[in-house]
Amino acid sequence: MSAFARAIGEADTHNSPVTYSISFSLDSAQAFLQEQGLDWSRVVHGDQKFKINRPFVAGDVVATSATIESFRAVAGNEIVTVRSDLYCGDELVQQQWTTLVARA
């Protein structure tokens, strides 16, 4: 996180930008959805939401889990919302919701 802050010219390397946490959850969410058979060549990003209980700080050790929160088919498109829970130890630090659309 400190290297990221320096790279964008941020003097305070203690707290991370809100969207930086995607770097913690993206790989696990993508792998999870690929295991479910999602065809990434047809996917477009639909929405992103965050619930922040506290900011991540340099030195945090982060573990993530991914859950399909909703799935529906509309006009041949598949719309899936994945919730990622990001923990430091037993503390739920942040939740993210990513909505993806797999085009028909």
C-alpha atoms as a PDB file:
ATOM      1  CA  MET A   1       0.000   0.000   0.000  1.00  0.00           C
ATOM      2  CA  SER A   2       2.847   2.401   0.765  1.00  0.00           C
ATOM      3  CA  ALA A   3       4.353   1.854  -2.696  1.00  0.00           C
ATOM      4  CA  PHE A   4       0.956   2.576  -4.279  1.00  0.00           C
ATOM      5  CA  ALA A   5       0.573   5.819  -2.330  1.00  0.00           C
ATOM      6  CA  ARG A   6       4.024   6.968  -3.396  1.00  0.00           C
ATOM      7  CA  ALA A   7       3.307   6.026  -7.028  1.00  0.00           C
ATOM      8  CA  ILE A   8       0.258   8.309  -7.140  1.00  0.00           C
ATOM      9  CA  GLY A   9       2.022  11.105  -5.274  1.00  0.00           C
ATOM     10  CA  GLU A  10       0.140  10.693  -2.003  1.00  0.00           C
ATOM     11  CA  ALA A  11       2.160  11.956   0.948  1.00  0.00           C
ATOM     12  CA  ASP A  12       0.116  10.072   3.570  1.00  0.00           C
ATOM     13  CA  THR A  13       1.041   6.416   3.078  1.00  0.00           C
ATOM     14  CA  HIS A  14      -0.901   5.274   6.146  1.00  0.00           C
ATOM     15  CA  ASN A  15      -4.476   5.136   4.744  1.00  0.00           C
ATOM     16  CA  SER A  16      -5.404   3.756   1.344  1.00  0.00           C
ATOM     17  CA  PRO A  17      -7.810   5.224  -1.217  1.00  0.00           C
ATOM     18  CA  VAL A  18     -11.239   3.555  -0.966  1.00  0.00           C
ATOM     19  CA  THR A  19     -11.007   1.775  -4.320  1.00  0.00           C
ATOM     20  CA  TYR A  20      -7.512   0.397  -3.621  1.00  0.00           C
ATOM     21  CA  SER A  21      -9.137  -2.527  -1.811  1.00  0.00           C
ATOM     22  CA  ILE A  22     -10.210  -3.944  -5.188  1.00  0.00           C
ATOM     23  CA  SER A  23      -6.603  -5.111  -5.495  1.00  0.00           C
ATOM     24  CA  PHE A  24      -7.242  -7.401  -2.511  1.00  0.00           C
ATOM     25  CA  SER A  25     -10.475  -8.941  -3.773  1.00  0.00           C
ATOM     26  CA  LEU A  26     -10.264  -8.966  -7.569  1.00  0.00           C
ATOM     27  CA  ASP A  27      -8.255 -12.152  -8.039  1.00  0.00           C
ATOM     28  CA  SER A  28     -10.352 -14.246  -5.655  1.00  0.00           C
ATOM     29  CA  ALA A  29     -13.653 -12.978  -7.100  1.00  0.00           C
ATOM     30  CA  GLN A  30     -12.506 -13.605 -10.671  1.00  0.00           C
ATOM     31  CA  ALA A  31     -11.274 -17.108  -9.848  1.00  0.00           C
ATOM     32  CA  PHE A  32     -14.529 -17.877  -8.019  1.00  0.00           C
ATOM     33  CA  LEU A  33     -16.666 -16.759 -10.973  1.00  0.00           C
ATOM     34  CA  GLN A  34     -14.496 -18.621 -13.468  1.00  0.00           C
ATOM     35  CA  GLU A  35     -15.019 -21.814 -11.437  1.00  0.00           C
ATOM     36  CA  GLN A  36     -18.779 -21.164 -11.799  1.00  0.00           C
ATOM     37  CA  GLY A  37     -18.392 -21.100 -15.589  1.00  0.00           C
ATOM     38  CA  LEU A  38     -18.504 -17.357 -16.292  1.00  0.00           C
ATOM     39  CA  ASP A  39     -17.252 -16.574 -19.817  1.00  0.00           C
ATOM     40  CA  TRP A  40     -15.023 -13.527 -19.276  1.00  0.00           C
ATOM     41  CA  SER A  41     -14.932 -12.728 -22.992  1.00  0.00           C
ATOM     42  CA  ARG A  42     -18.608 -11.689 -22.731  1.00  0.00           C
ATOM     43  CA  VAL A  43     -18.432  -9.733 -19.462  1.00  0.00           C
ATOM     44  CA  VAL A  44     -18.925  -5.998 -18.959  1.00  0.00           C
ATOM     45  CA  HIS A  45     -18.793  -4.193 -15.617  1.00  0.00           C
ATOM     46  CA  GLY A  46     -22.192  -3.033 -14.397  1.00  0.00           C
ATOM     47  CA  ASP A  47     -21.794  -1.541 -10.926  1.00  0.00           C
ATOM     48  CA  GLN A  48     -19.532  -1.334  -7.875  1.00  0.00           C
ATOM     49  CA  LYS A  49     -20.453  -0.506  -4.258  1.00  0.00           C
ATOM     50  CA  PHE A  50     -18.445  -0.400  -1.047  1.00  0.00           C
ATOM     51  CA  LYS A  51     -19.315  -0.580   2.644  1.00  0.00           C
ATOM     52  CA  ILE A  52     -16.336   0.625   4.650  1.00  0.00           C
ATOM     53  CA  ASN A  53     -16.141  -0.152   8.353  1.00  0.00           C
ATOM     54  CA  ARG A  54     -12.675   1.387   8.559  1.00  0.00           C
ATOM     55  CA  PRO A  55      -9.965   2.288   6.044  1.00  0.00           C
ATOM     56  CA  PHE A  56      -7.212  -0.176   5.296  1.00  0.00           C
ATOM     57  CA  VAL A  57      -3.850   0.915   6.601  1.00  0.00           C
ATOM     58  CA  ALA A  58      -0.289  -0.019   5.737  1.00  0.00           C
ATOM     59  CA  GLY A  59       0.574  -3.326   7.396  1.00  0.00           C
ATOM     60  CA  ASP A  60      -2.944  -4.795   7.328  1.00  0.00           C
ATOM     61  CA  VAL A  61      -3.032  -8.486   6.441  1.00  0.00           C
ATOM     62  CA  VAL A  62      -6.175  -8.966   4.365  1.00  0.00           C
ATOM     63  CA  ALA A  63      -8.171 -12.146   3.703  1.00  0.00           C
ATOM     64  CA  THR A  64     -11.108 -12.180   1.293  1.00  0.00           C
ATOM     65  CA  SER A  65     -14.114 -14.338   0.561  1.00  0.00           C
ATOM     66  CA  ALA A  66     -16.484 -14.111  -2.414  1.00  0.00           C
ATOM     67  CA  THR A  67     -20.177 -15.013  -2.531  1.00  0.00           C
ATOM     68  CA  ILE A  68     -22.689 -14.821  -5.358  1.00  0.00           C
ATOM     69  CA  GLU A  69     -25.329 -12.583  -3.832  1.00  0.00           C
ATOM     70  CA  SER A  70     -27.696 -12.499  -6.805  1.00  0.00           C
ATOM     71  CA  PHE A  71     -28.051 -13.916 -10.287  1.00  0.00           C
ATOM     72  CA  ARG A  72     -30.680 -13.292 -12.933  1.00  0.00           C
ATOM     73  CA  ALA A  73     -31.162 -13.629 -16.661  1.00  0.00           C
ATOM     74  CA  VAL A  74     -32.595 -10.661 -18.560  1.00  0.00           C
ATOM     75  CA  ALA A  75     -33.095 -10.646 -22.338  1.00  0.00           C
ATOM     76  CA  GLY A  76     -30.531 -13.417 -22.723  1.00  0.00           C
ATOM     77  CA  ASN A  77     -27.934 -11.594 -20.599  1.00  0.00           C
ATOM     78  CA  GLU A  78     -26.763 -13.013 -17.287  1.00  0.00           C
ATOM     79  CA  ILE A  79     -26.410 -10.478 -14.457  1.00  0.00           C
ATOM     80  CA  VAL A  80     -24.442 -11.552 -11.400  1.00  0.00           C
ATOM     81  CA  THR A  81     -23.650  -9.626  -8.234  1.00  0.00           C
ATOM     82  CA  VAL A  82     -20.722 -10.844  -6.167  1.00  0.00           C
ATOM     83  CA  ARG A  83     -20.158  -9.730  -2.592  1.00  0.00           C
ATOM     84  CA  SER A  84     -16.586  -9.774  -1.369  1.00  0.00           C
ATOM     85  CA  ASP A  85     -15.907  -9.624   2.364  1.00  0.00           C
ATOM     86  CA  LEU A  86     -12.469  -8.331   3.331  1.00  0.00           C
ATOM     87  CA  TYR A  87     -11.148  -9.218   6.772  1.00  0.00           C
ATOM     88  CA  CYS A  88      -8.155  -8.325   8.893  1.00  0.00           C
ATOM     89  CA  GLY A  89      -8.113 -11.182  11.387  1.00  0.00           C
ATOM     90  CA  ASP A  90     -11.683 -11.547  12.644  1.00  0.00           C
ATOM     91  CA  GLU A  91     -12.571  -7.935  11.820  1.00  0.00           C
ATOM     92  CA  LEU A  92     -14.806  -7.312   8.793  1.00  0.00           C
ATOM     93  CA  VAL A  93     -13.093  -4.216   7.416  1.00  0.00           C
ATOM     94  CA  GLN A  94     -14.945  -3.787   4.130  1.00  0.00           C
ATOM     95  CA  GLN A  95     -17.604  -5.287   1.891  1.00  0.00           C
ATOM     96  CA  GLN A  96     -17.736  -4.812  -1.857  1.00  0.00           C
ATOM     97  CA  TRP A  97     -20.489  -5.567  -4.347  1.00  0.00           C
ATOM     98  CA  THR A  98     -19.562  -5.994  -7.991  1.00  0.00           C
ATOM     99  CA  THR A  99     -22.273  -6.415 -10.613  1.00  0.00           C
ATOM    100  CA  LEU A 100     -21.212  -7.959 -13.901  1.00  0.00           C
ATOM    101  CA  VAL A 101     -23.199  -8.545 -17.065  1.00  0.00           C
ATOM    102  CA  ALA A 102     -22.374 -11.514 -19.295  1.00  0.00           C
ATOM    103  CA  ARG A 103     -23.752 -10.507 -22.665  1.00  0.00           C
ATOM    104  CA  ALA A 104     -25.780 -12.967 -24.704  1.00  0.00           C
END
